[in-house]
Amino acid sequence: MKKWMMIPALAGVLVIGGVAVAGNAGHSFAATPKGLLTMEEAEAIAVKSVGGTVTGIELDRELVGDIYEVEVKTNGFEYDLDIDAKTGKVLRTDKENDNDDDFDNDDSDDKVIAPNGKFITEKAAVNIAMKQAKGTVAEVKLDEDDGRVVYEIEIRDGKYDYDFDIDAISGEVLKFEKDSDKDND
């Protein structure tokens, strides 16, 4: 009888230990957690599915597995897609009118225009953030903050979460926060 109780307990310890080891492995932006699509691959799947421009992407752990949540804007609509991070299958697509809900409620400063209409690329913004924090990029989102267009970037390394706001025109780091990762478990 005691052997039956030990086997599930041992299996539980092995599973928890495996998760702890996997969670502590520091990954770079280029090194996506083993077996998962990269953010670039998930973005390409989203754009192929609905067209448009990716404005935000986040790698999330759900009960069904790892999911990329991707926001895409196209032709006056905003799409929210869930993409299986292992298979690339689009699991969910929501479509709604694009009325700039991502920006603050005060529309007076939402008419931000970049000089020559040019922003730095998402990859350039991530590279700027990665100079200060190594780990896995968990979220990238283009947003407006106090009249500025910024890339909001979250990086995780298993010990800490790093949050950045990077000016989308100049590449200047406007905000950098480092918090313990234990709050996200």
N, C-alpha and C. Protein backbone atom coordinates (compact mmCIF):
# COMPACT_ATOMS: atom_id res chain seq x y z
N MET A 1 0.83 -1.20 0.00
CA MET A 1 0.00 0.00 0.00
C MET A 1 0.87 1.26 0.00
N LYS A 2 1.95 1.24 0.76
CA LYS A 2 2.81 2.42 0.83
C LYS A 2 3.50 2.68 -0.50
N LYS A 3 3.79 1.62 -1.28
CA LYS A 3 4.42 1.81 -2.58
C LYS A 3 3.52 2.62 -3.50
N TRP A 4 2.20 2.38 -3.45
CA TRP A 4 1.26 3.13 -4.30
C TRP A 4 1.28 4.61 -3.96
N MET A 5 1.48 4.94 -2.69
CA MET A 5 1.51 6.34 -2.28
C MET A 5 2.83 6.99 -2.68
N MET A 6 3.91 6.23 -2.68
CA MET A 6 5.22 6.79 -3.00
C MET A 6 5.37 7.12 -4.48
N ILE A 7 4.79 6.31 -5.35
CA ILE A 7 4.95 6.53 -6.79
C ILE A 7 4.35 7.87 -7.22
N PRO A 8 3.08 8.18 -6.86
CA PRO A 8 2.55 9.50 -7.24
C PRO A 8 3.34 10.65 -6.61
N ALA A 9 3.77 10.46 -5.36
CA ALA A 9 4.53 11.52 -4.69
C ALA A 9 5.85 11.74 -5.42
N LEU A 10 6.55 10.67 -5.79
CA LEU A 10 7.81 10.79 -6.51
C LEU A 10 7.59 11.42 -7.90
N ALA A 11 6.53 11.02 -8.57
CA ALA A 11 6.22 11.60 -9.88
C ALA A 11 5.97 13.10 -9.75
N GLY A 12 5.27 13.49 -8.70
CA GLY A 12 5.00 14.92 -8.46
C GLY A 12 6.28 15.70 -8.22
N VAL A 13 7.21 15.13 -7.45
CA VAL A 13 8.48 15.79 -7.19
C VAL A 13 9.27 15.94 -8.48
N LEU A 14 9.28 14.91 -9.32
CA LEU A 14 10.00 14.98 -10.59
C LEU A 14 9.40 16.04 -11.50
N VAL A 15 8.08 16.11 -11.57
CA VAL A 15 7.43 17.12 -12.42
C VAL A 15 7.72 18.52 -11.90
N ILE A 16 7.57 18.73 -10.61
CA ILE A 16 7.82 20.06 -10.03
C ILE A 16 9.29 20.43 -10.21
N GLY A 17 10.19 19.48 -9.99
CA GLY A 17 11.61 19.75 -10.18
C GLY A 17 11.92 20.10 -11.62
N GLY A 18 11.30 19.40 -12.56
CA GLY A 18 11.52 19.69 -13.98
C GLY A 18 11.04 21.07 -14.35
N VAL A 19 9.89 21.48 -13.81
CA VAL A 19 9.37 22.81 -14.08
C VAL A 19 10.29 23.86 -13.47
N ALA A 20 10.79 23.60 -12.27
CA ALA A 20 11.67 24.58 -11.62
C ALA A 20 12.96 24.73 -12.42
N VAL A 21 13.51 23.64 -12.90
CA VAL A 21 14.74 23.72 -13.68
C VAL A 21 14.48 24.46 -14.98
N ALA A 22 13.39 24.12 -15.65
CA ALA A 22 13.08 24.79 -16.92
C ALA A 22 12.81 26.26 -16.69
N GLY A 23 12.16 26.61 -15.60
CA GLY A 23 11.83 28.01 -15.34
C GLY A 23 13.03 28.86 -15.00
N ASN A 24 14.12 28.25 -14.52
CA ASN A 24 15.29 29.01 -14.13
C ASN A 24 16.32 29.13 -15.24
N ALA A 25 16.11 28.45 -16.34
CA ALA A 25 17.07 28.55 -17.43
C ALA A 25 16.92 29.91 -18.09
N GLY A 26 17.98 30.72 -18.11
CA GLY A 26 17.92 32.05 -18.72
C GLY A 26 17.96 31.94 -20.23
N HIS A 27 16.96 32.48 -20.91
CA HIS A 27 16.91 32.44 -22.36
C HIS A 27 17.09 33.85 -22.89
N SER A 28 17.74 33.96 -24.00
CA SER A 28 17.87 35.25 -24.65
C SER A 28 16.72 35.43 -25.62
N PHE A 29 16.63 36.61 -26.22
CA PHE A 29 15.58 36.89 -27.19
C PHE A 29 15.68 35.91 -28.34
N ALA A 30 16.90 35.59 -28.75
CA ALA A 30 17.09 34.69 -29.87
C ALA A 30 16.79 33.25 -29.47
N ALA A 31 16.99 32.91 -28.20
CA ALA A 31 16.78 31.54 -27.74
C ALA A 31 15.43 31.44 -27.07
N THR A 32 14.42 31.12 -27.85
CA THR A 32 13.08 30.92 -27.33
C THR A 32 13.09 29.62 -26.53
N PRO A 33 12.27 29.53 -25.47
CA PRO A 33 12.22 28.27 -24.71
C PRO A 33 12.08 27.07 -25.65
N LYS A 34 12.78 26.02 -25.35
CA LYS A 34 12.88 24.85 -26.23
C LYS A 34 11.51 24.35 -26.67
N GLY A 35 11.41 24.13 -27.96
CA GLY A 35 10.19 23.57 -28.51
C GLY A 35 9.12 24.59 -28.85
N LEU A 36 9.37 25.88 -28.60
CA LEU A 36 8.37 26.90 -28.87
C LEU A 36 8.75 27.72 -30.09
N LEU A 37 7.75 28.23 -30.77
CA LEU A 37 7.98 29.15 -31.87
C LEU A 37 8.60 30.43 -31.33
N THR A 38 9.35 31.14 -32.16
CA THR A 38 9.86 32.44 -31.76
C THR A 38 8.74 33.47 -31.89
N MET A 39 8.94 34.64 -31.30
CA MET A 39 7.95 35.72 -31.44
C MET A 39 7.79 36.10 -32.90
N GLU A 40 8.90 36.12 -33.63
CA GLU A 40 8.84 36.48 -35.05
C GLU A 40 7.98 35.50 -35.83
N GLU A 41 8.11 34.21 -35.52
CA GLU A 41 7.30 33.19 -36.20
C GLU A 41 5.82 33.36 -35.86
N ALA A 42 5.51 33.65 -34.59
CA ALA A 42 4.12 33.86 -34.20
C ALA A 42 3.54 35.10 -34.87
N GLU A 43 4.36 36.17 -34.97
CA GLU A 43 3.91 37.38 -35.66
C GLU A 43 3.61 37.09 -37.12
N ALA A 44 4.47 36.31 -37.77
CA ALA A 44 4.27 35.98 -39.18
C ALA A 44 2.98 35.18 -39.38
N ILE A 45 2.69 34.27 -38.47
CA ILE A 45 1.46 33.49 -38.56
C ILE A 45 0.25 34.41 -38.41
N ALA A 46 0.31 35.35 -37.47
CA ALA A 46 -0.80 36.27 -37.25
C ALA A 46 -1.03 37.15 -38.47
N VAL A 47 0.05 37.70 -39.02
CA VAL A 47 -0.07 38.58 -40.19
C VAL A 47 -0.60 37.78 -41.39
N LYS A 48 -0.13 36.56 -41.56
CA LYS A 48 -0.62 35.72 -42.66
C LYS A 48 -2.11 35.43 -42.48
N SER A 49 -2.55 35.30 -41.24
CA SER A 49 -3.94 34.97 -40.95
C SER A 49 -4.89 36.12 -41.22
N VAL A 50 -4.52 37.35 -40.78
CA VAL A 50 -5.46 38.48 -40.89
C VAL A 50 -4.88 39.69 -41.61
N GLY A 51 -3.59 39.66 -41.98
CA GLY A 51 -2.97 40.83 -42.60
C GLY A 51 -2.67 41.88 -41.55
N GLY A 52 -2.25 43.05 -41.96
CA GLY A 52 -2.05 44.17 -41.05
C GLY A 52 -0.70 44.21 -40.38
N THR A 53 -0.68 44.93 -39.25
CA THR A 53 0.54 45.19 -38.50
C THR A 53 0.38 44.70 -37.06
N VAL A 54 1.36 43.97 -36.57
CA VAL A 54 1.34 43.50 -35.18
C VAL A 54 1.64 44.68 -34.27
N THR A 55 0.75 44.93 -33.29
CA THR A 55 0.96 46.02 -32.34
C THR A 55 1.29 45.52 -30.94
N GLY A 56 1.15 44.22 -30.72
CA GLY A 56 1.49 43.67 -29.42
C GLY A 56 1.56 42.16 -29.48
N ILE A 57 2.47 41.59 -28.70
CA ILE A 57 2.59 40.14 -28.63
C ILE A 57 3.05 39.77 -27.23
N GLU A 58 2.49 38.68 -26.71
CA GLU A 58 2.85 38.22 -25.37
C GLU A 58 2.84 36.70 -25.34
N LEU A 59 3.87 36.13 -24.74
CA LEU A 59 3.92 34.69 -24.52
C LEU A 59 3.31 34.44 -23.15
N ASP A 60 2.27 33.63 -23.13
CA ASP A 60 1.53 33.38 -21.90
C ASP A 60 1.43 31.88 -21.65
N ARG A 61 1.52 31.48 -20.41
CA ARG A 61 1.34 30.07 -20.05
C ARG A 61 -0.11 29.90 -19.58
N GLU A 62 -0.85 29.10 -20.32
CA GLU A 62 -2.26 28.81 -20.02
C GLU A 62 -2.39 27.35 -19.61
N LEU A 63 -3.57 26.96 -19.16
CA LEU A 63 -3.81 25.56 -18.80
C LEU A 63 -3.61 24.63 -20.00
N VAL A 64 -3.94 25.11 -21.19
CA VAL A 64 -3.80 24.29 -22.39
C VAL A 64 -2.37 24.26 -22.92
N GLY A 65 -1.48 25.07 -22.38
CA GLY A 65 -0.08 25.13 -22.82
C GLY A 65 0.35 26.56 -23.06
N ASP A 66 1.51 26.72 -23.69
CA ASP A 66 2.04 28.05 -23.99
C ASP A 66 1.33 28.63 -25.20
N ILE A 67 0.89 29.89 -25.06
CA ILE A 67 0.10 30.57 -26.09
C ILE A 67 0.73 31.94 -26.35
N TYR A 68 0.85 32.28 -27.63
CA TYR A 68 1.18 33.65 -27.99
C TYR A 68 -0.13 34.41 -28.17
N GLU A 69 -0.29 35.51 -27.44
CA GLU A 69 -1.44 36.39 -27.62
C GLU A 69 -0.94 37.54 -28.49
N VAL A 70 -1.52 37.68 -29.68
CA VAL A 70 -1.03 38.64 -30.67
C VAL A 70 -2.14 39.63 -31.01
N GLU A 71 -1.80 40.93 -30.99
CA GLU A 71 -2.73 41.98 -31.40
C GLU A 71 -2.28 42.48 -32.77
N VAL A 72 -3.24 42.59 -33.70
CA VAL A 72 -2.94 43.04 -35.05
C VAL A 72 -3.96 44.10 -35.44
N LYS A 73 -3.49 45.20 -36.05
CA LYS A 73 -4.38 46.23 -36.56
C LYS A 73 -4.33 46.22 -38.08
N THR A 74 -5.52 46.27 -38.69
CA THR A 74 -5.61 46.30 -40.14
C THR A 74 -6.95 46.85 -40.60
N ASN A 75 -6.92 47.74 -41.55
CA ASN A 75 -8.13 48.26 -42.20
C ASN A 75 -9.23 48.68 -41.23
N GLY A 76 -8.87 49.39 -40.17
CA GLY A 76 -9.86 49.88 -39.21
C GLY A 76 -10.34 48.87 -38.20
N PHE A 77 -9.71 47.71 -38.15
CA PHE A 77 -10.08 46.68 -37.18
C PHE A 77 -8.87 46.26 -36.36
N GLU A 78 -9.15 45.76 -35.16
CA GLU A 78 -8.12 45.18 -34.31
C GLU A 78 -8.46 43.72 -34.10
N TYR A 79 -7.49 42.87 -34.33
CA TYR A 79 -7.65 41.44 -34.14
C TYR A 79 -6.83 41.00 -32.94
N ASP A 80 -7.41 40.13 -32.13
CA ASP A 80 -6.70 39.48 -31.04
C ASP A 80 -6.67 38.00 -31.38
N LEU A 81 -5.45 37.46 -31.53
CA LEU A 81 -5.29 36.06 -31.89
C LEU A 81 -4.56 35.32 -30.79
N ASP A 82 -4.97 34.10 -30.53
CA ASP A 82 -4.23 33.18 -29.67
C ASP A 82 -3.61 32.14 -30.58
N ILE A 83 -2.30 31.99 -30.48
CA ILE A 83 -1.57 31.05 -31.34
C ILE A 83 -0.83 30.07 -30.45
N ASP A 84 -1.04 28.78 -30.70
CA ASP A 84 -0.35 27.74 -29.95
C ASP A 84 1.16 27.92 -30.17
N ALA A 85 1.91 28.10 -29.08
CA ALA A 85 3.34 28.41 -29.18
C ALA A 85 4.17 27.22 -29.63
N LYS A 86 3.60 26.03 -29.63
CA LYS A 86 4.34 24.85 -30.10
C LYS A 86 4.00 24.53 -31.55
N THR A 87 2.71 24.54 -31.89
CA THR A 87 2.29 24.09 -33.22
C THR A 87 2.09 25.22 -34.21
N GLY A 88 1.86 26.44 -33.73
CA GLY A 88 1.58 27.56 -34.62
C GLY A 88 0.13 27.64 -35.05
N LYS A 89 -0.70 26.76 -34.53
CA LYS A 89 -2.13 26.76 -34.88
C LYS A 89 -2.82 27.97 -34.25
N VAL A 90 -3.63 28.67 -35.05
CA VAL A 90 -4.42 29.80 -34.53
C VAL A 90 -5.60 29.20 -33.77
N LEU A 91 -5.63 29.44 -32.47
CA LEU A 91 -6.67 28.86 -31.61
C LEU A 91 -7.89 29.74 -31.48
N ARG A 92 -7.69 31.07 -31.60
CA ARG A 92 -8.80 32.01 -31.41
C ARG A 92 -8.48 33.27 -32.18
N THR A 93 -9.52 33.84 -32.80
CA THR A 93 -9.39 35.13 -33.47
C THR A 93 -10.60 35.98 -33.10
N ASP A 94 -10.36 37.11 -32.47
CA ASP A 94 -11.42 38.08 -32.17
C ASP A 94 -11.19 39.31 -33.02
N LYS A 95 -12.27 39.87 -33.56
CA LYS A 95 -12.18 41.05 -34.42
C LYS A 95 -13.10 42.12 -33.86
N GLU A 96 -12.60 43.35 -33.76
CA GLU A 96 -13.44 44.46 -33.32
C GLU A 96 -12.99 45.74 -34.01
N ASN A 97 -13.90 46.71 -34.05
CA ASN A 97 -13.55 48.01 -34.64
C ASN A 97 -12.37 48.59 -33.88
N ASP A 98 -11.44 49.16 -34.62
CA ASP A 98 -10.26 49.77 -34.02
C ASP A 98 -10.58 51.20 -33.65
N ASN A 99 -10.89 51.40 -32.39
CA ASN A 99 -11.20 52.76 -31.93
C ASN A 99 -10.16 53.25 -30.95
N ASP A 100 -8.91 52.71 -31.09
CA ASP A 100 -7.78 53.13 -30.26
C ASP A 100 -8.01 52.94 -28.78
N ASP A 101 -8.63 51.80 -28.39
CA ASP A 101 -8.83 51.51 -26.97
C ASP A 101 -7.51 51.40 -26.21
N ASP A 102 -6.42 51.06 -26.92
CA ASP A 102 -5.14 50.88 -26.23
C ASP A 102 -4.59 52.19 -25.69
N PHE A 103 -5.01 53.30 -26.29
CA PHE A 103 -4.52 54.57 -25.82
C PHE A 103 -5.36 55.04 -24.65
N ASP A 104 -4.85 56.01 -23.92
CA ASP A 104 -5.55 56.47 -22.73
C ASP A 104 -6.90 57.08 -23.12
N ASN A 105 -7.74 57.34 -22.12
CA ASN A 105 -9.09 57.86 -22.37
C ASN A 105 -9.11 59.31 -22.81
N ASP A 106 -8.02 60.03 -22.59
CA ASP A 106 -7.94 61.41 -23.02
C ASP A 106 -7.42 61.44 -24.45
N ASP A 107 -8.32 61.61 -25.41
CA ASP A 107 -7.94 61.55 -26.82
C ASP A 107 -7.22 62.80 -27.30
N SER A 108 -7.03 63.80 -26.45
CA SER A 108 -6.44 65.05 -26.89
C SER A 108 -4.99 64.88 -27.36
N ASP A 109 -4.27 63.88 -26.82
CA ASP A 109 -2.88 63.71 -27.20
C ASP A 109 -2.63 62.46 -28.03
N ASP A 110 -3.68 61.85 -28.56
CA ASP A 110 -3.53 60.63 -29.34
C ASP A 110 -3.11 60.88 -30.78
N LYS A 111 -2.99 62.11 -31.18
CA LYS A 111 -2.62 62.43 -32.55
C LYS A 111 -1.11 62.61 -32.65
N VAL A 112 -0.37 61.65 -32.13
CA VAL A 112 1.09 61.72 -32.15
C VAL A 112 1.58 61.28 -33.52
N ILE A 113 2.39 62.12 -34.14
CA ILE A 113 2.94 61.80 -35.45
C ILE A 113 4.46 61.87 -35.36
N ALA A 114 5.10 60.84 -35.84
CA ALA A 114 6.56 60.80 -35.81
C ALA A 114 7.12 61.68 -36.91
N PRO A 115 8.28 62.29 -36.67
CA PRO A 115 8.93 63.03 -37.75
C PRO A 115 9.14 62.07 -38.93
N ASN A 116 8.76 62.50 -40.11
CA ASN A 116 8.85 61.67 -41.32
C ASN A 116 8.03 60.39 -41.21
N GLY A 117 7.15 60.28 -40.18
CA GLY A 117 6.30 59.11 -40.03
C GLY A 117 7.05 57.83 -39.73
N LYS A 118 8.27 57.92 -39.16
CA LYS A 118 9.10 56.73 -38.97
C LYS A 118 9.31 56.42 -37.49
N PHE A 119 9.10 55.16 -37.17
CA PHE A 119 9.38 54.65 -35.84
C PHE A 119 10.53 53.66 -35.94
N ILE A 120 11.25 53.46 -34.84
CA ILE A 120 12.24 52.39 -34.83
C ILE A 120 11.47 51.07 -34.90
N THR A 121 12.12 50.03 -35.34
CA THR A 121 11.44 48.74 -35.45
C THR A 121 11.28 48.10 -34.07
N GLU A 122 10.37 47.14 -34.01
CA GLU A 122 10.18 46.38 -32.77
C GLU A 122 11.49 45.68 -32.39
N LYS A 123 12.16 45.12 -33.37
CA LYS A 123 13.42 44.42 -33.11
C LYS A 123 14.47 45.37 -32.53
N ALA A 124 14.54 46.60 -33.06
CA ALA A 124 15.50 47.58 -32.54
C ALA A 124 15.17 47.92 -31.09
N ALA A 125 13.88 48.08 -30.79
CA ALA A 125 13.47 48.38 -29.41
C ALA A 125 13.83 47.23 -28.47
N VAL A 126 13.61 46.00 -28.92
CA VAL A 126 13.96 44.83 -28.11
C VAL A 126 15.47 44.78 -27.88
N ASN A 127 16.25 45.06 -28.92
CA ASN A 127 17.71 45.07 -28.77
C ASN A 127 18.17 46.10 -27.75
N ILE A 128 17.52 47.25 -27.72
CA ILE A 128 17.85 48.29 -26.73
C ILE A 128 17.57 47.77 -25.32
N ALA A 129 16.41 47.13 -25.14
CA ALA A 129 16.05 46.58 -23.82
C ALA A 129 17.01 45.46 -23.41
N MET A 130 17.38 44.61 -24.38
CA MET A 130 18.25 43.47 -24.08
C MET A 130 19.65 43.89 -23.67
N LYS A 131 20.03 45.13 -23.92
CA LYS A 131 21.32 45.62 -23.45
C LYS A 131 21.33 45.78 -21.93
N GLN A 132 20.12 45.95 -21.35
CA GLN A 132 20.03 46.14 -19.90
C GLN A 132 19.51 44.91 -19.17
N ALA A 133 18.86 43.99 -19.88
CA ALA A 133 18.28 42.82 -19.23
C ALA A 133 18.34 41.62 -20.17
N LYS A 134 18.94 40.55 -19.72
CA LYS A 134 18.99 39.31 -20.51
C LYS A 134 17.86 38.40 -20.05
N GLY A 135 17.29 37.65 -20.96
CA GLY A 135 16.23 36.72 -20.62
C GLY A 135 15.33 36.48 -21.82
N THR A 136 14.11 36.08 -21.55
CA THR A 136 13.13 35.80 -22.59
C THR A 136 12.19 36.99 -22.71
N VAL A 137 11.99 37.46 -23.93
CA VAL A 137 11.04 38.55 -24.15
C VAL A 137 9.65 37.95 -24.03
N ALA A 138 8.88 38.43 -23.06
CA ALA A 138 7.55 37.88 -22.80
C ALA A 138 6.46 38.72 -23.44
N GLU A 139 6.73 40.01 -23.67
CA GLU A 139 5.69 40.87 -24.25
C GLU A 139 6.33 42.07 -24.93
N VAL A 140 5.77 42.43 -26.08
CA VAL A 140 6.15 43.65 -26.79
C VAL A 140 4.86 44.28 -27.28
N LYS A 141 4.69 45.56 -26.98
CA LYS A 141 3.45 46.22 -27.38
C LYS A 141 3.76 47.67 -27.76
N LEU A 142 3.20 48.12 -28.86
CA LEU A 142 3.30 49.51 -29.27
C LEU A 142 2.12 50.24 -28.68
N ASP A 143 2.38 51.32 -27.94
CA ASP A 143 1.31 52.02 -27.23
C ASP A 143 1.65 53.50 -27.16
N GLU A 144 0.71 54.28 -26.68
CA GLU A 144 0.88 55.73 -26.49
C GLU A 144 0.92 56.01 -24.99
N ASP A 145 1.83 56.86 -24.58
CA ASP A 145 1.94 57.22 -23.17
C ASP A 145 2.31 58.70 -23.09
N ASP A 146 1.43 59.50 -22.56
CA ASP A 146 1.66 60.94 -22.37
C ASP A 146 2.11 61.63 -23.66
N GLY A 147 1.42 61.33 -24.77
CA GLY A 147 1.72 61.99 -26.02
C GLY A 147 2.89 61.41 -26.79
N ARG A 148 3.49 60.35 -26.28
CA ARG A 148 4.61 59.69 -26.95
C ARG A 148 4.19 58.29 -27.35
N VAL A 149 4.67 57.84 -28.49
CA VAL A 149 4.47 56.45 -28.88
C VAL A 149 5.65 55.66 -28.34
N VAL A 150 5.35 54.59 -27.61
CA VAL A 150 6.40 53.81 -26.94
C VAL A 150 6.21 52.32 -27.21
N TYR A 151 7.32 51.61 -27.16
CA TYR A 151 7.28 50.16 -27.12
C TYR A 151 7.32 49.77 -25.64
N GLU A 152 6.31 49.03 -25.21
CA GLU A 152 6.31 48.47 -23.86
C GLU A 152 6.84 47.05 -23.99
N ILE A 153 7.94 46.77 -23.29
CA ILE A 153 8.62 45.48 -23.42
C ILE A 153 8.78 44.87 -22.04
N GLU A 154 8.44 43.57 -21.94
CA GLU A 154 8.65 42.82 -20.70
C GLU A 154 9.60 41.67 -21.00
N ILE A 155 10.63 41.55 -20.16
CA ILE A 155 11.63 40.49 -20.29
C ILE A 155 11.65 39.73 -18.96
N ARG A 156 11.72 38.40 -19.04
CA ARG A 156 11.79 37.56 -17.84
C ARG A 156 13.04 36.69 -17.91
N ASP A 157 13.70 36.52 -16.76
CA ASP A 157 14.88 35.65 -16.74
C ASP A 157 14.78 34.53 -15.71
N GLY A 158 13.60 34.33 -15.13
CA GLY A 158 13.43 33.28 -14.13
C GLY A 158 13.57 33.79 -12.71
N LYS A 159 14.30 34.88 -12.53
CA LYS A 159 14.45 35.51 -11.22
C LYS A 159 13.74 36.85 -11.17
N TYR A 160 13.81 37.58 -12.28
CA TYR A 160 13.25 38.93 -12.30
C TYR A 160 12.42 39.17 -13.56
N ASP A 161 11.49 40.11 -13.45
CA ASP A 161 10.76 40.66 -14.58
C ASP A 161 11.31 42.06 -14.81
N TYR A 162 11.61 42.38 -16.05
CA TYR A 162 12.11 43.70 -16.42
C TYR A 162 11.07 44.35 -17.32
N ASP A 163 10.64 45.55 -16.98
CA ASP A 163 9.67 46.28 -17.79
C ASP A 163 10.32 47.54 -18.33
N PHE A 164 10.15 47.75 -19.62
CA PHE A 164 10.72 48.91 -20.30
C PHE A 164 9.63 49.66 -21.04
N ASP A 165 9.77 50.97 -21.11
CA ASP A 165 9.08 51.81 -22.07
C ASP A 165 10.19 52.44 -22.90
N ILE A 166 10.17 52.18 -24.21
CA ILE A 166 11.20 52.69 -25.11
C ILE A 166 10.53 53.60 -26.12
N ASP A 167 11.02 54.84 -26.23
CA ASP A 167 10.46 55.80 -27.18
C ASP A 167 10.55 55.21 -28.58
N ALA A 168 9.41 55.18 -29.28
CA ALA A 168 9.34 54.54 -30.60
C ALA A 168 10.00 55.37 -31.69
N ILE A 169 10.32 56.62 -31.40
CA ILE A 169 10.97 57.47 -32.39
C ILE A 169 12.48 57.51 -32.15
N SER A 170 12.87 57.83 -30.92
CA SER A 170 14.29 58.04 -30.62
C SER A 170 15.01 56.79 -30.12
N GLY A 171 14.26 55.81 -29.58
CA GLY A 171 14.89 54.64 -28.98
C GLY A 171 15.33 54.87 -27.55
N GLU A 172 15.00 56.02 -26.99
CA GLU A 172 15.39 56.35 -25.60
C GLU A 172 14.60 55.48 -24.62
N VAL A 173 15.29 54.96 -23.59
CA VAL A 173 14.63 54.21 -22.53
C VAL A 173 13.95 55.22 -21.60
N LEU A 174 12.62 55.20 -21.59
CA LEU A 174 11.86 56.14 -20.78
C LEU A 174 11.54 55.57 -19.41
N LYS A 175 11.44 54.24 -19.32
CA LYS A 175 11.13 53.58 -18.05
C LYS A 175 11.86 52.26 -18.01
N PHE A 176 12.42 51.94 -16.85
CA PHE A 176 13.04 50.64 -16.62
C PHE A 176 12.70 50.22 -15.20
N GLU A 177 12.03 49.07 -15.06
CA GLU A 177 11.70 48.54 -13.74
C GLU A 177 12.15 47.09 -13.66
N LYS A 178 12.67 46.70 -12.50
CA LYS A 178 13.12 45.33 -12.25
C LYS A 178 12.37 44.85 -11.01
N ASP A 179 11.57 43.80 -11.19
CA ASP A 179 10.79 43.25 -10.07
C ASP A 179 11.06 41.75 -9.95
N SER A 180 10.87 41.23 -8.76
CA SER A 180 11.04 39.81 -8.52
C SER A 180 10.02 39.03 -9.34
N ASP A 181 10.43 37.93 -9.96
CA ASP A 181 9.58 37.11 -10.81
C ASP A 181 8.62 36.25 -10.02
N LYS A 182 8.83 36.12 -8.71
CA LYS A 182 7.99 35.23 -7.91
C LYS A 182 6.52 35.66 -7.90
N ASP A 183 6.25 36.94 -8.21
CA ASP A 183 4.86 37.41 -8.22
C ASP A 183 4.08 36.89 -9.41
N ASN A 184 4.74 36.39 -10.47
CA ASN A 184 4.06 35.95 -11.69
C ASN A 184 3.76 34.47 -11.74
N ASP A 185 4.09 33.73 -10.71
CA ASP A 185 3.85 32.28 -10.74
C ASP A 185 2.43 31.93 -10.40
